[in-house]
C-alpha atoms as a PDB file:
ATOM      1  CA  MET A   1       4.315 -54.767  38.574  1.00  0.00           C
ATOM      2  CA  SER A   2       3.616 -54.231  42.212  1.00  0.00           C
ATOM      3  CA  THR A   3       7.309 -53.502  42.718  1.00  0.00           C
ATOM      4  CA  THR A   4       7.213 -50.704  40.259  1.00  0.00           C
ATOM      5  CA  LYS A   5       4.087 -49.134  41.906  1.00  0.00           C
ATOM      6  CA  GLN A   6       5.682 -49.316  45.258  1.00  0.00           C
ATOM      7  CA  THR A   7       8.923 -47.743  43.956  1.00  0.00           C
ATOM      8  CA  ALA A   8       7.060 -44.839  42.179  1.00  0.00           C
ATOM      9  CA  ALA A   9       4.934 -44.381  45.449  1.00  0.00           C
ATOM     10  CA  THR A  10       8.137 -44.195  47.500  1.00  0.00           C
ATOM     11  CA  SER A  11       9.817 -41.808  45.182  1.00  0.00           C
ATOM     12  CA  LEU A  12       7.197 -39.119  45.595  1.00  0.00           C
ATOM     13  CA  PRO A  13       8.205 -36.319  48.101  1.00  0.00           C
ATOM     14  CA  ARG A  14       6.149 -36.541  51.392  1.00  0.00           C
ATOM     15  CA  ALA A  15       4.290 -33.531  52.611  1.00  0.00           C
ATOM     16  CA  PRO A  16       5.965 -31.862  55.760  1.00  0.00           C
ATOM     17  CA  GLU A  17       4.599 -32.718  58.986  1.00  0.00           C
ATOM     18  CA  LEU A  18       2.930 -30.125  61.066  1.00  0.00           C
ATOM     19  CA  SER A  19       4.251 -29.650  64.621  1.00  0.00           C
ATOM     20  CA  THR A  20       1.976 -27.930  66.995  1.00  0.00           C
ATOM     21  CA  ASP A  21       2.541 -26.748  70.576  1.00  0.00           C
ATOM     22  CA  VAL A  22       0.335 -27.784  73.466  1.00  0.00           C
ATOM     23  CA  SER A  23      -2.255 -24.977  72.431  1.00  0.00           C
ATOM     24  CA  GLY A  24      -2.653 -26.550  68.986  1.00  0.00           C
ATOM     25  CA  ARG A  25      -0.782 -23.483  67.149  1.00  0.00           C
ATOM     26  CA  HIS A  26       1.761 -24.414  64.531  1.00  0.00           C
ATOM     27  CA  THR A  27       5.343 -24.320  65.982  1.00  0.00           C
ATOM     28  CA  PRO A  28       8.129 -22.140  64.031  1.00  0.00           C
ATOM     29  CA  GLY A  29       9.648 -24.074  61.322  1.00  0.00           C
ATOM     30  CA  SER A  30       6.646 -25.945  60.497  1.00  0.00           C
ATOM     31  CA  ALA A  31       4.846 -26.398  57.196  1.00  0.00           C
ATOM     32  CA  PRO A  32       2.733 -23.222  57.745  1.00  0.00           C
ATOM     33  CA  SER A  33       6.099 -21.125  57.831  1.00  0.00           C
ATOM     34  CA  ALA A  34       7.410 -22.995  54.767  1.00  0.00           C
ATOM     35  CA  LEU A  35       4.219 -22.132  52.921  1.00  0.00           C
ATOM     36  CA  ALA A  36       4.408 -18.372  53.906  1.00  0.00           C
ATOM     37  CA  GLU A  37       7.964 -18.387  52.647  1.00  0.00           C
ATOM     38  CA  HIS A  38       6.994 -19.842  49.415  1.00  0.00           C
ATOM     39  CA  ILE A  39       4.133 -17.393  48.978  1.00  0.00           C
ATOM     40  CA  GLY A  40       6.588 -14.585  49.996  1.00  0.00           C
ATOM     41  CA  ASP A  41       8.935 -15.910  47.156  1.00  0.00           C
ATOM     42  CA  LEU A  42       6.198 -16.061  44.519  1.00  0.00           C
ATOM     43  CA  LEU A  43       4.991 -12.545  45.579  1.00  0.00           C
ATOM     44  CA  GLY A  44       8.419 -11.225  45.119  1.00  0.00           C
ATOM     45  CA  ARG A  45       8.973 -12.682  41.722  1.00  0.00           C
ATOM     46  CA  THR A  46       5.463 -11.443  40.716  1.00  0.00           C
ATOM     47  CA  ALA A  47       6.760  -7.948  41.761  1.00  0.00           C
ATOM     48  CA  HIS A  48       9.333  -8.295  39.318  1.00  0.00           C
ATOM     49  CA  GLY A  49       6.842  -9.241  36.655  1.00  0.00           C
ATOM     50  CA  ASP A  50       7.138 -13.091  36.566  1.00  0.00           C
ATOM     51  CA  ARG A  51       3.899 -14.222  35.127  1.00  0.00           C
ATOM     52  CA  VAL A  52       4.686 -17.980  36.002  1.00  0.00           C
ATOM     53  CA  ALA A  53       5.087 -17.066  39.633  1.00  0.00           C
ATOM     54  CA  PHE A  54       1.728 -14.948  39.539  1.00  0.00           C
ATOM     55  CA  ALA A  55      -0.178 -18.032  37.863  1.00  0.00           C
ATOM     56  CA  THR A  56       1.376 -20.304  40.723  1.00  0.00           C
ATOM     57  CA  LEU A  57       0.154 -17.747  43.282  1.00  0.00           C
ATOM     58  CA  TYR A  58      -3.266 -17.610  41.552  1.00  0.00           C
ATOM     59  CA  ASP A  59      -3.572 -21.418  41.548  1.00  0.00           C
ATOM     60  CA  MET A  60      -2.667 -21.679  45.129  1.00  0.00           C
ATOM     61  CA  LEU A  61      -4.916 -18.856  46.635  1.00  0.00           C
ATOM     62  CA  ALA A  62      -7.827 -18.397  44.279  1.00  0.00           C
ATOM     63  CA  PRO A  63      -9.822 -21.011  45.878  1.00  0.00           C
ATOM     64  CA  THR A  64      -9.431 -19.279  49.291  1.00  0.00           C
ATOM     65  CA  VAL A  65     -10.094 -15.841  47.793  1.00  0.00           C
ATOM     66  CA  TRP A  66     -13.040 -17.037  46.150  1.00  0.00           C
ATOM     67  CA  ARG A  67     -14.542 -18.696  49.111  1.00  0.00           C
ATOM     68  CA  THR A  68     -13.937 -15.554  51.018  1.00  0.00           C
ATOM     69  CA  ALA A  69     -15.587 -13.678  48.401  1.00  0.00           C
ATOM     70  CA  ARG A  70     -18.470 -16.197  48.186  1.00  0.00           C
ATOM     71  CA  GLY A  71     -19.051 -15.812  51.764  1.00  0.00           C
ATOM     72  CA  THR A  72     -19.383 -11.949  51.252  1.00  0.00           C
ATOM     73  CA  TYR A  73     -21.692 -12.019  48.189  1.00  0.00           C
ATOM     74  CA  ASP A  74     -25.141 -13.861  47.419  1.00  0.00           C
ATOM     75  CA  ASN A  75     -23.936 -15.469  44.121  1.00  0.00           C
ATOM     76  CA  ASP A  76     -21.195 -17.102  42.278  1.00  0.00           C
ATOM     77  CA  ALA A  77     -20.768 -14.398  39.549  1.00  0.00           C
ATOM     78  CA  ASP A  78     -20.177 -11.548  42.032  1.00  0.00           C
ATOM     79  CA  ALA A  79     -17.587 -13.895  43.937  1.00  0.00           C
ATOM     80  CA  HIS A  80     -15.932 -14.567  40.567  1.00  0.00           C
ATOM     81  CA  ARG A  81     -15.714 -11.019  39.648  1.00  0.00           C
ATOM     82  CA  ALA A  82     -14.445 -10.048  43.261  1.00  0.00           C
ATOM     83  CA  THR A  83     -11.831 -12.784  42.800  1.00  0.00           C
ATOM     84  CA  GLU A  84     -10.653 -11.390  39.513  1.00  0.00           C
ATOM     85  CA  GLN A  85     -10.514  -7.907  40.792  1.00  0.00           C
ATOM     86  CA  VAL A  86      -8.234  -9.281  43.928  1.00  0.00           C
ATOM     87  CA  PHE A  87      -5.776 -10.811  41.489  1.00  0.00           C
ATOM     88  CA  LEU A  88      -5.678  -7.786  39.205  1.00  0.00           C
ATOM     89  CA  ASP A  89      -5.015  -5.654  42.270  1.00  0.00           C
ATOM     90  CA  VAL A  90      -2.166  -8.049  43.522  1.00  0.00           C
ATOM     91  CA  TRP A  91      -0.387  -7.895  40.024  1.00  0.00           C
ATOM     92  CA  ARG A  92      -0.553  -4.231  40.120  1.00  0.00           C
ATOM     93  CA  THR A  93       0.507  -3.773  43.636  1.00  0.00           C
ATOM     94  CA  ALA A  94       2.894  -6.705  44.040  1.00  0.00           C
ATOM     95  CA  PRO A  95       5.876  -4.445  44.472  1.00  0.00           C
ATOM     96  CA  ILE A  96       4.278  -2.867  47.350  1.00  0.00           C
ATOM     97  CA  LEU A  97       2.969  -6.045  48.978  1.00  0.00           C
ATOM     98  CA  ALA A  98       6.235  -7.793  48.539  1.00  0.00           C
ATOM     99  CA  ASP A  99       8.103  -4.980  50.319  1.00  0.00           C
ATOM    100  CA  GLN A 100       5.646  -4.997  53.235  1.00  0.00           C
ATOM    101  CA  PRO A 101       6.631  -6.476  56.553  1.00  0.00           C
ATOM    102  CA  GLY A 102       4.962  -9.624  57.971  1.00  0.00           C
ATOM    103  CA  CYS A 103       3.498 -12.719  56.644  1.00  0.00           C
ATOM    104  CA  PRO A 104       2.869 -12.563  53.071  1.00  0.00           C
ATOM    105  CA  LEU A 105      -0.390 -14.740  53.104  1.00  0.00           C
ATOM    106  CA  SER A 106      -1.598 -12.208  55.673  1.00  0.00           C
ATOM    107  CA  ARG A 107      -0.972  -9.279  53.380  1.00  0.00           C
ATOM    108  CA  LEU A 108      -2.573 -11.057  50.528  1.00  0.00           C
ATOM    109  CA  LEU A 109      -5.697 -11.731  52.659  1.00  0.00           C
ATOM    110  CA  LYS A 110      -5.804  -8.113  53.728  1.00  0.00           C
ATOM    111  CA  ALA A 111      -5.796  -7.103  50.185  1.00  0.00           C
ATOM    112  CA  THR A 112      -8.736  -9.559  49.610  1.00  0.00           C
ATOM    113  CA  ASN A 113     -10.749  -7.922  52.333  1.00  0.00           C
ATOM    114  CA  GLN A 114      -9.938  -4.419  51.028  1.00  0.00           C
ATOM    115  CA  VAL A 115     -11.196  -5.575  47.493  1.00  0.00           C
ATOM    116  CA  LEU A 116     -14.354  -6.940  49.031  1.00  0.00           C
ATOM    117  CA  CYS A 117     -15.069  -3.646  50.972  1.00  0.00           C
ATOM    118  CA  ARG A 118     -14.604  -1.567  47.898  1.00  0.00           C
ATOM    119  CA  LEU A 119     -16.919  -3.641  45.508  1.00  0.00           C
END
């Protein structure tokens, strides 16, 4: 029985190790770059109307967006409303966001801040 558990555990993919330079910043090619690439791919697919990609993007980023909104608003209801608005805007503007240069996560966080300033 323990052999089966060990085999199942060893067959799971391992999370990429983060490499950092002397200052503690992540180096190119480390996990954050892979994450940014994955988010960029999801954003590009969302721009073409892929609802599964959008749902995946939501699942990945909604907790971060919500925490950002909760830091701005005094209650959970306003943070929830702001989070919904952010993702409605992402869905509507995905073709524009996907074509902008730079880190896709930065673009999405900028979109979050724009919504929070607007509400």
